[in-house]
C-alpha cells in the first residue's frame, strides 16, 4: 500500500484562525507537554489576547521585539492540512552569536494528537525551504540533549551535527546542527 502524501502548508496566523489556534493550544496545554515554539506560551484565553499575539508576531517580523540580543526578525507559521492546525513553526533570521550558539534559526512543534504520524519531517522540510526562500544561506537547528526525537528528525532532513554546548541561560546541554 502506498503511503499517503502529506499536503501540509505553512500559513501565517490570521484573525479568523482564533478558534483553531485556541483548540490546538488547549490540546497542547492539557497534554502537559513542552510548548514549542514560544508563541504557544503566550497567554491566550480570549479574542483580545489573541489579537495582541498577532500584533507581537507582526512586530517580530518587523524586528521590533524584546529578543533582539538573539535575532533580528522572527517569522511564525501554522502548519496546516485541510484547514486543520497540525503544529507551529518559528523561523529566526539574522541570529546574533548568542542566538546561533544556543537557539538556532528553527523551532517547531507538532500538536500532541498528530505526533508520530510523519508530520514533523514534512514540516521540517517545508521550514528549511522557507528559510532558503527568505535568503538564509546557513540554517542552524538546536535541541536540548535529552530530546531523543529531534536528532533523528534533523539528520533525516540533512542536518549535520556540529557540536554540543552548554546554555548559559538554562545550564542544559544543547546539540547544534546546520543545514
N, C-alpha and C. Protein backbone atom coordinates (compact mmCIF):
# COMPACT_ATOMS: atom_id res chain seq x y z
N UNK A 1 0.83 -1.18 0.00
CA UNK A 1 0.00 0.00 0.00
C UNK A 1 0.88 1.25 0.00
N UNK A 2 0.57 2.17 -0.86
CA UNK A 2 1.36 3.40 -0.98
C UNK A 2 1.06 4.35 0.18
N UNK A 3 2.12 4.94 0.74
CA UNK A 3 1.98 5.88 1.85
C UNK A 3 1.34 7.17 1.36
N UNK A 4 0.37 7.67 2.11
CA UNK A 4 -0.33 8.90 1.75
C UNK A 4 0.61 10.10 1.85
N UNK A 5 0.66 10.89 0.79
CA UNK A 5 1.49 12.11 0.77
C UNK A 5 0.80 13.19 1.60
N UNK A 6 1.55 13.77 2.50
CA UNK A 6 1.03 14.86 3.33
C UNK A 6 0.94 16.14 2.51
N UNK A 7 -0.19 16.80 2.57
CA UNK A 7 -0.39 18.06 1.86
C UNK A 7 -0.37 19.20 2.88
N UNK A 8 0.79 19.38 3.48
CA UNK A 8 0.94 20.42 4.50
C UNK A 8 1.35 21.73 3.87
N UNK A 9 1.01 22.80 4.55
CA UNK A 9 1.50 24.11 4.13
C UNK A 9 1.73 24.96 5.36
N UNK A 10 2.66 25.90 5.22
CA UNK A 10 2.92 26.88 6.28
C UNK A 10 2.08 28.10 5.98
N UNK A 11 1.29 28.52 6.94
CA UNK A 11 0.44 29.69 6.75
C UNK A 11 0.66 30.67 7.89
N UNK A 12 0.47 31.93 7.59
CA UNK A 12 0.55 32.97 8.61
C UNK A 12 -0.75 32.99 9.40
N UNK A 13 -0.63 33.12 10.70
CA UNK A 13 -1.79 33.17 11.57
C UNK A 13 -2.60 34.43 11.29
N UNK A 14 -3.92 34.28 11.17
CA UNK A 14 -4.80 35.41 10.86
C UNK A 14 -5.90 35.52 11.92
N UNK A 15 -6.61 36.64 11.92
CA UNK A 15 -7.68 36.87 12.88
C UNK A 15 -8.72 35.75 12.86
N UNK A 16 -9.06 35.30 11.65
CA UNK A 16 -10.11 34.28 11.54
C UNK A 16 -9.66 32.90 12.02
N UNK A 17 -8.40 32.75 12.39
CA UNK A 17 -7.89 31.47 12.89
C UNK A 17 -8.04 31.30 14.40
N UNK A 18 -8.68 32.24 15.05
CA UNK A 18 -8.79 32.26 16.51
C UNK A 18 -9.22 30.91 17.08
N UNK A 19 -10.34 30.36 16.63
CA UNK A 19 -10.86 29.11 17.21
C UNK A 19 -9.92 27.94 16.98
N UNK A 20 -9.34 27.84 15.79
CA UNK A 20 -8.40 26.75 15.51
C UNK A 20 -7.16 26.85 16.38
N UNK A 21 -6.67 28.08 16.56
CA UNK A 21 -5.48 28.29 17.39
C UNK A 21 -5.78 27.92 18.85
N UNK A 22 -6.92 28.38 19.36
CA UNK A 22 -7.29 28.09 20.75
C UNK A 22 -7.43 26.57 20.96
N UNK A 23 -8.04 25.89 20.01
CA UNK A 23 -8.20 24.43 20.11
C UNK A 23 -6.85 23.73 20.15
N UNK A 24 -5.93 24.12 19.26
CA UNK A 24 -4.62 23.49 19.22
C UNK A 24 -3.85 23.78 20.51
N UNK A 25 -3.84 25.02 20.95
CA UNK A 25 -3.10 25.40 22.15
C UNK A 25 -3.66 24.68 23.39
N UNK A 26 -4.99 24.58 23.48
CA UNK A 26 -5.63 23.91 24.60
C UNK A 26 -5.20 22.44 24.65
N UNK A 27 -5.18 21.77 23.50
CA UNK A 27 -4.74 20.37 23.45
C UNK A 27 -3.31 20.26 23.97
N UNK A 28 -2.45 21.18 23.56
CA UNK A 28 -1.05 21.15 23.98
C UNK A 28 -0.95 21.30 25.50
N UNK A 29 -1.67 22.28 26.03
CA UNK A 29 -1.62 22.53 27.48
C UNK A 29 -2.16 21.34 28.26
N UNK A 30 -3.26 20.77 27.81
CA UNK A 30 -3.86 19.62 28.51
C UNK A 30 -2.96 18.39 28.45
N UNK A 31 -2.10 18.30 27.44
CA UNK A 31 -1.20 17.15 27.32
C UNK A 31 -0.02 17.26 28.28
N UNK A 32 0.17 18.47 28.84
CA UNK A 32 1.27 18.70 29.77
C UNK A 32 2.63 18.47 29.12
N UNK A 33 2.74 18.80 27.82
CA UNK A 33 4.00 18.66 27.11
C UNK A 33 4.54 20.04 26.77
N UNK A 34 5.80 20.07 26.38
CA UNK A 34 6.52 21.30 26.09
C UNK A 34 5.84 22.09 24.97
N UNK A 35 5.62 23.38 25.20
CA UNK A 35 5.02 24.27 24.21
C UNK A 35 6.11 24.84 23.31
N UNK A 36 6.11 24.46 22.06
CA UNK A 36 7.13 24.91 21.12
C UNK A 36 6.49 25.09 19.76
N UNK A 37 6.72 26.26 19.15
CA UNK A 37 7.59 27.36 19.52
C UNK A 37 6.96 28.28 20.56
N UNK A 38 7.70 29.33 20.91
CA UNK A 38 7.33 30.19 22.02
C UNK A 38 5.99 30.91 21.85
N UNK A 39 5.47 31.07 20.66
CA UNK A 39 4.19 31.75 20.51
C UNK A 39 3.08 30.99 21.23
N UNK A 40 3.26 29.69 21.43
CA UNK A 40 2.26 28.89 22.13
C UNK A 40 2.29 29.14 23.64
N UNK A 41 3.37 29.71 24.15
CA UNK A 41 3.47 30.02 25.58
C UNK A 41 2.68 31.26 25.97
N UNK A 42 2.34 32.08 24.99
CA UNK A 42 1.59 33.31 25.26
C UNK A 42 0.22 32.99 25.84
N UNK A 43 -0.18 33.74 26.84
CA UNK A 43 -1.49 33.58 27.45
C UNK A 43 -2.56 34.06 26.46
N UNK A 44 -3.36 33.13 25.97
CA UNK A 44 -4.41 33.47 25.01
C UNK A 44 -5.70 32.77 25.46
N UNK A 45 -6.52 33.52 26.19
CA UNK A 45 -7.79 32.99 26.70
C UNK A 45 -9.01 33.63 26.04
N UNK A 46 -8.75 34.73 25.30
CA UNK A 46 -9.87 35.42 24.68
C UNK A 46 -9.41 36.11 23.40
N UNK A 47 -10.37 36.68 22.68
CA UNK A 47 -10.08 37.30 21.39
C UNK A 47 -9.11 38.48 21.53
N UNK A 48 -9.23 39.24 22.59
CA UNK A 48 -8.34 40.39 22.81
C UNK A 48 -6.88 39.93 22.96
N UNK A 49 -6.66 38.89 23.74
CA UNK A 49 -5.31 38.36 23.91
C UNK A 49 -4.79 37.77 22.59
N UNK A 50 -5.68 37.17 21.82
CA UNK A 50 -5.30 36.61 20.52
C UNK A 50 -4.85 37.73 19.58
N UNK A 51 -5.60 38.83 19.54
CA UNK A 51 -5.22 39.95 18.69
C UNK A 51 -3.88 40.55 19.14
N UNK A 52 -3.65 40.56 20.44
CA UNK A 52 -2.36 41.02 20.97
C UNK A 52 -1.23 40.09 20.50
N UNK A 53 -1.48 38.78 20.47
CA UNK A 53 -0.50 37.83 19.98
C UNK A 53 -0.19 38.10 18.50
N UNK A 54 -1.21 38.34 17.70
CA UNK A 54 -0.99 38.65 16.28
C UNK A 54 -0.14 39.89 16.12
N UNK A 55 -0.33 40.88 16.98
CA UNK A 55 0.48 42.11 16.94
C UNK A 55 1.94 41.80 17.29
N UNK A 56 2.17 40.96 18.31
CA UNK A 56 3.53 40.56 18.67
C UNK A 56 4.21 39.85 17.52
N UNK A 57 3.48 38.98 16.84
CA UNK A 57 4.03 38.26 15.69
C UNK A 57 4.43 39.25 14.60
N UNK A 58 3.56 40.20 14.33
CA UNK A 58 3.86 41.23 13.32
C UNK A 58 5.08 42.05 13.71
N UNK A 59 5.17 42.42 14.98
CA UNK A 59 6.32 43.19 15.46
C UNK A 59 7.62 42.41 15.28
N UNK A 60 7.60 41.12 15.60
CA UNK A 60 8.81 40.30 15.44
C UNK A 60 9.23 40.23 13.97
N UNK A 61 8.26 40.14 13.08
CA UNK A 61 8.58 40.10 11.66
C UNK A 61 9.23 41.40 11.20
N UNK A 62 8.92 42.48 11.89
CA UNK A 62 9.47 43.78 11.54
C UNK A 62 10.70 44.15 12.37
N UNK A 63 11.16 43.24 13.21
CA UNK A 63 12.37 43.48 14.00
C UNK A 63 12.14 44.33 15.24
N UNK A 64 10.90 44.38 15.74
CA UNK A 64 10.57 45.16 16.94
C UNK A 64 10.12 44.21 18.05
N UNK A 65 11.07 43.78 18.89
CA UNK A 65 10.74 42.83 19.94
C UNK A 65 11.83 42.83 21.01
N UNK A 66 11.56 42.08 22.10
CA UNK A 66 12.48 42.07 23.24
C UNK A 66 13.63 41.07 23.10
N UNK A 67 13.64 40.27 22.05
CA UNK A 67 14.68 39.25 21.89
C UNK A 67 15.77 39.66 20.90
N UNK A 68 16.02 40.95 20.75
CA UNK A 68 16.98 41.43 19.75
C UNK A 68 18.41 40.97 20.03
N UNK A 69 18.72 40.59 21.28
CA UNK A 69 20.07 40.08 21.51
C UNK A 69 20.19 38.62 21.05
N UNK A 70 19.11 38.05 20.52
CA UNK A 70 19.12 36.68 19.98
C UNK A 70 19.00 36.67 18.46
N UNK A 71 18.11 37.50 17.92
CA UNK A 71 17.86 37.52 16.48
C UNK A 71 17.16 38.83 16.10
N UNK A 72 17.18 39.14 14.80
CA UNK A 72 16.56 40.38 14.35
C UNK A 72 15.11 40.21 13.94
N UNK A 73 14.83 39.25 13.08
CA UNK A 73 13.47 39.08 12.57
C UNK A 73 12.94 37.69 12.92
N UNK A 74 11.69 37.63 13.34
CA UNK A 74 11.06 36.36 13.65
C UNK A 74 9.82 36.16 12.82
N UNK A 75 9.68 34.97 12.27
CA UNK A 75 8.52 34.63 11.45
C UNK A 75 7.82 33.43 12.08
N UNK A 76 6.52 33.51 12.20
CA UNK A 76 5.76 32.41 12.78
C UNK A 76 4.74 31.90 11.77
N UNK A 77 4.63 30.60 11.72
CA UNK A 77 3.69 29.97 10.80
C UNK A 77 2.95 28.85 11.52
N UNK A 78 1.77 28.58 11.03
CA UNK A 78 1.00 27.45 11.48
C UNK A 78 1.12 26.37 10.40
N UNK A 79 1.29 25.14 10.81
CA UNK A 79 1.32 24.03 9.88
C UNK A 79 -0.11 23.57 9.72
N UNK A 80 -0.55 23.53 8.49
CA UNK A 80 -1.95 23.27 8.24
C UNK A 80 -2.12 22.16 7.21
N UNK A 81 -3.10 21.29 7.45
CA UNK A 81 -3.50 20.28 6.48
C UNK A 81 -5.02 20.28 6.45
N UNK A 82 -5.59 20.55 5.28
CA UNK A 82 -7.05 20.59 5.14
C UNK A 82 -7.70 21.50 6.20
N UNK A 83 -7.14 22.67 6.40
CA UNK A 83 -7.62 23.68 7.35
C UNK A 83 -7.53 23.26 8.82
N UNK A 84 -6.89 22.14 9.11
CA UNK A 84 -6.67 21.72 10.50
C UNK A 84 -5.27 22.13 10.91
N UNK A 85 -5.13 22.71 12.09
CA UNK A 85 -3.82 23.10 12.60
C UNK A 85 -3.10 21.87 13.13
N UNK A 86 -1.93 21.59 12.56
CA UNK A 86 -1.13 20.43 12.91
C UNK A 86 -0.04 20.80 13.92
N UNK A 87 0.45 22.02 13.85
CA UNK A 87 1.52 22.47 14.73
C UNK A 87 1.91 23.90 14.40
N UNK A 88 3.09 24.30 14.86
CA UNK A 88 3.55 25.67 14.67
C UNK A 88 5.06 25.69 14.45
N UNK A 89 5.51 26.74 13.77
CA UNK A 89 6.92 26.90 13.42
C UNK A 89 7.34 28.33 13.70
N UNK A 90 8.58 28.49 14.18
CA UNK A 90 9.20 29.80 14.29
C UNK A 90 10.49 29.76 13.48
N UNK A 91 10.71 30.80 12.71
CA UNK A 91 11.96 30.97 11.98
C UNK A 91 12.57 32.28 12.46
N UNK A 92 13.82 32.19 12.93
CA UNK A 92 14.51 33.37 13.42
C UNK A 92 15.61 33.73 12.43
N UNK A 93 15.55 34.95 11.93
CA UNK A 93 16.52 35.44 10.93
C UNK A 93 17.54 36.36 11.57
N UNK A 94 18.71 36.41 10.95
CA UNK A 94 19.79 37.29 11.41
C UNK A 94 20.11 37.04 12.87
N UNK A 95 20.49 35.81 13.18
CA UNK A 95 20.83 35.44 14.54
C UNK A 95 22.06 36.20 15.01
N UNK A 96 22.07 36.54 16.28
CA UNK A 96 23.29 37.06 16.89
C UNK A 96 24.18 35.85 17.19
N UNK A 97 25.38 36.09 17.65
CA UNK A 97 26.27 34.99 18.02
C UNK A 97 25.62 34.12 19.09
N UNK A 98 25.00 34.75 20.08
CA UNK A 98 24.32 34.02 21.15
C UNK A 98 23.16 33.21 20.59
N UNK A 99 22.34 33.82 19.75
CA UNK A 99 21.20 33.13 19.16
C UNK A 99 21.62 31.94 18.32
N UNK A 100 22.70 32.09 17.58
CA UNK A 100 23.20 31.00 16.76
C UNK A 100 23.72 29.85 17.62
N UNK A 101 24.39 30.19 18.71
CA UNK A 101 25.02 29.17 19.55
C UNK A 101 24.00 28.32 20.30
N UNK A 102 22.94 28.92 20.83
CA UNK A 102 22.06 28.11 21.69
C UNK A 102 20.58 28.11 21.30
N UNK A 103 20.19 28.84 20.27
CA UNK A 103 18.78 28.83 19.87
C UNK A 103 18.60 28.26 18.48
N UNK A 104 19.35 28.76 17.53
CA UNK A 104 19.20 28.33 16.15
C UNK A 104 18.11 29.10 15.42
N UNK A 105 17.98 28.80 14.15
CA UNK A 105 17.03 29.50 13.29
C UNK A 105 15.62 28.93 13.36
N UNK A 106 15.50 27.69 13.77
CA UNK A 106 14.22 26.98 13.65
C UNK A 106 13.73 26.47 14.99
N UNK A 107 12.44 26.64 15.23
CA UNK A 107 11.74 25.97 16.33
C UNK A 107 10.44 25.44 15.74
N UNK A 108 10.14 24.20 16.02
CA UNK A 108 8.87 23.69 15.52
C UNK A 108 8.28 22.72 16.52
N UNK A 109 6.97 22.64 16.49
CA UNK A 109 6.26 21.72 17.36
C UNK A 109 5.04 21.16 16.65
N UNK A 110 4.75 19.90 16.91
CA UNK A 110 3.58 19.23 16.36
C UNK A 110 2.61 18.98 17.52
N UNK A 111 1.36 19.31 17.33
CA UNK A 111 0.39 19.14 18.42
C UNK A 111 0.33 17.68 18.85
N UNK A 112 0.07 17.41 20.11
CA UNK A 112 0.16 16.05 20.65
C UNK A 112 -0.60 14.98 19.88
N UNK A 113 -1.81 15.26 19.43
CA UNK A 113 -2.60 14.23 18.74
C UNK A 113 -2.09 13.91 17.35
N UNK A 114 -1.13 14.69 16.85
CA UNK A 114 -0.62 14.49 15.49
C UNK A 114 0.82 13.99 15.47
N UNK A 115 1.38 13.73 16.63
CA UNK A 115 2.76 13.26 16.69
C UNK A 115 2.87 11.80 16.24
N UNK A 116 4.06 11.44 15.77
CA UNK A 116 4.39 10.08 15.32
C UNK A 116 3.54 9.65 14.12
N UNK A 117 3.19 10.62 13.29
CA UNK A 117 2.40 10.33 12.09
C UNK A 117 3.08 10.87 10.83
N UNK A 118 4.35 11.29 10.95
CA UNK A 118 5.09 11.77 9.79
C UNK A 118 5.00 13.27 9.55
N UNK A 119 4.30 13.98 10.41
CA UNK A 119 4.14 15.43 10.22
C UNK A 119 5.42 16.20 10.48
N UNK A 120 6.20 15.78 11.44
CA UNK A 120 7.39 16.55 11.82
C UNK A 120 8.40 16.63 10.68
N UNK A 121 8.65 15.51 10.02
CA UNK A 121 9.63 15.52 8.93
C UNK A 121 9.18 16.43 7.80
N UNK A 122 7.94 16.30 7.38
CA UNK A 122 7.43 17.14 6.30
C UNK A 122 7.47 18.62 6.72
N UNK A 123 7.15 18.88 7.98
CA UNK A 123 7.18 20.25 8.49
C UNK A 123 8.59 20.81 8.46
N UNK A 124 9.57 20.03 8.91
CA UNK A 124 10.95 20.50 8.89
C UNK A 124 11.41 20.74 7.46
N UNK A 125 11.05 19.87 6.53
CA UNK A 125 11.41 20.09 5.13
C UNK A 125 10.82 21.41 4.60
N UNK A 126 9.55 21.65 4.91
CA UNK A 126 8.91 22.91 4.49
C UNK A 126 9.59 24.12 5.14
N UNK A 127 9.97 23.96 6.39
CA UNK A 127 10.60 25.06 7.13
C UNK A 127 11.98 25.38 6.57
N UNK A 128 12.76 24.35 6.26
CA UNK A 128 14.08 24.57 5.66
C UNK A 128 13.93 25.30 4.33
N UNK A 129 12.96 24.87 3.53
CA UNK A 129 12.73 25.54 2.25
C UNK A 129 12.31 26.99 2.45
N UNK A 130 11.48 27.25 3.46
CA UNK A 130 11.05 28.63 3.74
C UNK A 130 12.26 29.48 4.15
N UNK A 131 13.16 28.91 4.95
CA UNK A 131 14.38 29.63 5.34
C UNK A 131 15.18 30.01 4.09
N UNK A 132 15.31 29.07 3.17
CA UNK A 132 16.03 29.35 1.93
C UNK A 132 15.32 30.42 1.11
N UNK A 133 13.99 30.35 1.07
CA UNK A 133 13.21 31.37 0.35
C UNK A 133 13.40 32.76 0.95
N UNK A 134 13.66 32.80 2.27
CA UNK A 134 13.93 34.07 2.96
C UNK A 134 15.36 34.56 2.73
N UNK A 135 16.16 33.76 2.00
CA UNK A 135 17.53 34.15 1.67
C UNK A 135 18.58 33.67 2.64
N UNK A 136 18.21 32.79 3.54
CA UNK A 136 19.16 32.29 4.52
C UNK A 136 20.09 31.27 3.85
N UNK A 137 21.39 31.49 3.98
CA UNK A 137 22.39 30.61 3.37
C UNK A 137 22.76 29.45 4.30
N UNK A 138 22.79 29.71 5.58
CA UNK A 138 23.14 28.70 6.58
C UNK A 138 22.00 28.67 7.60
N UNK A 139 21.52 27.48 7.88
CA UNK A 139 20.39 27.30 8.80
C UNK A 139 20.87 26.46 9.97
N UNK A 140 20.70 26.98 11.17
CA UNK A 140 21.12 26.28 12.38
C UNK A 140 19.90 25.75 13.12
N UNK A 141 19.99 24.51 13.57
CA UNK A 141 18.94 23.90 14.40
C UNK A 141 19.60 23.41 15.68
N UNK A 142 18.95 23.64 16.81
CA UNK A 142 19.47 23.23 18.11
C UNK A 142 18.39 22.47 18.88
N UNK A 143 18.82 21.60 19.79
CA UNK A 143 17.88 20.94 20.68
C UNK A 143 18.59 20.56 21.98
N UNK A 144 17.79 20.48 23.05
CA UNK A 144 18.34 20.03 24.31
C UNK A 144 18.76 18.57 24.18
N UNK A 145 19.85 18.22 24.85
CA UNK A 145 20.44 16.89 24.71
C UNK A 145 19.48 15.77 25.11
N UNK A 146 18.55 16.04 26.04
CA UNK A 146 17.63 14.98 26.47
C UNK A 146 16.51 14.71 25.46
N UNK A 147 16.39 15.58 24.46
CA UNK A 147 15.38 15.39 23.42
C UNK A 147 15.87 14.28 22.48
N UNK A 148 15.18 13.15 22.49
CA UNK A 148 15.63 12.00 21.71
C UNK A 148 15.08 11.99 20.28
N UNK A 149 14.06 12.76 20.01
CA UNK A 149 13.42 12.74 18.70
C UNK A 149 14.08 13.72 17.73
N UNK A 150 14.42 14.91 18.20
CA UNK A 150 14.96 15.93 17.31
C UNK A 150 16.22 15.50 16.55
N UNK A 151 17.19 14.81 17.16
CA UNK A 151 18.38 14.46 16.37
C UNK A 151 18.05 13.56 15.18
N UNK A 152 17.13 12.62 15.38
CA UNK A 152 16.73 11.73 14.28
C UNK A 152 16.04 12.54 13.18
N UNK A 153 15.17 13.43 13.59
CA UNK A 153 14.43 14.26 12.64
C UNK A 153 15.38 15.16 11.86
N UNK A 154 16.25 15.85 12.56
CA UNK A 154 17.20 16.78 11.92
C UNK A 154 18.10 16.04 10.94
N UNK A 155 18.63 14.91 11.36
CA UNK A 155 19.52 14.14 10.48
C UNK A 155 18.76 13.60 9.26
N UNK A 156 17.49 13.22 9.44
CA UNK A 156 16.71 12.68 8.32
C UNK A 156 16.45 13.74 7.25
N UNK A 157 16.58 15.01 7.62
CA UNK A 157 16.37 16.10 6.68
C UNK A 157 17.69 16.72 6.21
N UNK A 158 18.81 16.05 6.50
CA UNK A 158 20.11 16.51 6.02
C UNK A 158 20.90 17.36 6.98
N UNK A 159 20.46 17.49 8.23
CA UNK A 159 21.20 18.26 9.22
C UNK A 159 22.52 17.59 9.56
N UNK A 160 23.55 18.40 9.72
CA UNK A 160 24.90 17.91 10.04
C UNK A 160 25.26 18.37 11.44
N UNK A 161 25.58 17.40 12.31
CA UNK A 161 25.95 17.72 13.70
C UNK A 161 27.22 18.55 13.72
N UNK A 162 27.22 19.60 14.55
CA UNK A 162 28.40 20.45 14.72
C UNK A 162 29.07 20.26 16.07
N UNK A 163 28.28 20.47 17.13
CA UNK A 163 28.87 20.43 18.48
C UNK A 163 27.78 20.42 19.54
N UNK A 164 28.21 20.15 20.75
CA UNK A 164 27.35 20.26 21.92
C UNK A 164 27.88 21.40 22.77
N UNK A 165 26.99 22.30 23.18
CA UNK A 165 27.35 23.44 24.01
C UNK A 165 26.47 23.45 25.25
N UNK A 166 26.85 24.25 26.24
CA UNK A 166 26.04 24.42 27.43
C UNK A 166 25.43 25.81 27.40
N UNK A 167 24.12 25.87 27.55
CA UNK A 167 23.42 27.15 27.56
C UNK A 167 23.74 27.91 28.83
N UNK A 168 24.16 29.15 28.67
CA UNK A 168 24.41 29.97 29.85
C UNK A 168 23.12 30.42 30.52
N UNK A 169 21.98 30.17 29.88
CA UNK A 169 20.68 30.55 30.44
C UNK A 169 20.03 29.40 31.19
N UNK A 170 19.97 28.23 30.58
CA UNK A 170 19.29 27.10 31.21
C UNK A 170 20.26 26.17 31.93
N UNK A 171 21.57 26.25 31.57
CA UNK A 171 22.55 25.32 32.13
C UNK A 171 22.47 23.94 31.49
N UNK A 172 21.59 23.78 30.51
CA UNK A 172 21.42 22.48 29.84
C UNK A 172 22.35 22.37 28.64
N UNK A 173 22.67 21.12 28.32
CA UNK A 173 23.47 20.86 27.12
C UNK A 173 22.58 20.94 25.89
N UNK A 174 23.13 21.56 24.85
CA UNK A 174 22.40 21.76 23.60
C UNK A 174 23.25 21.23 22.45
N UNK A 175 22.63 20.43 21.59
CA UNK A 175 23.29 19.95 20.39
C UNK A 175 22.96 20.89 19.24
N UNK A 176 23.98 21.20 18.45
CA UNK A 176 23.84 22.13 17.32
C UNK A 176 24.06 21.41 16.00
N UNK A 177 23.25 21.74 15.02
CA UNK A 177 23.35 21.18 13.67
C UNK A 177 23.22 22.33 12.68
N UNK A 178 23.64 22.07 11.45
CA UNK A 178 23.38 23.05 10.39
C UNK A 178 22.92 22.32 9.13
N UNK A 179 22.23 23.08 8.31
CA UNK A 179 21.75 22.59 7.01
C UNK A 179 22.42 23.42 5.94
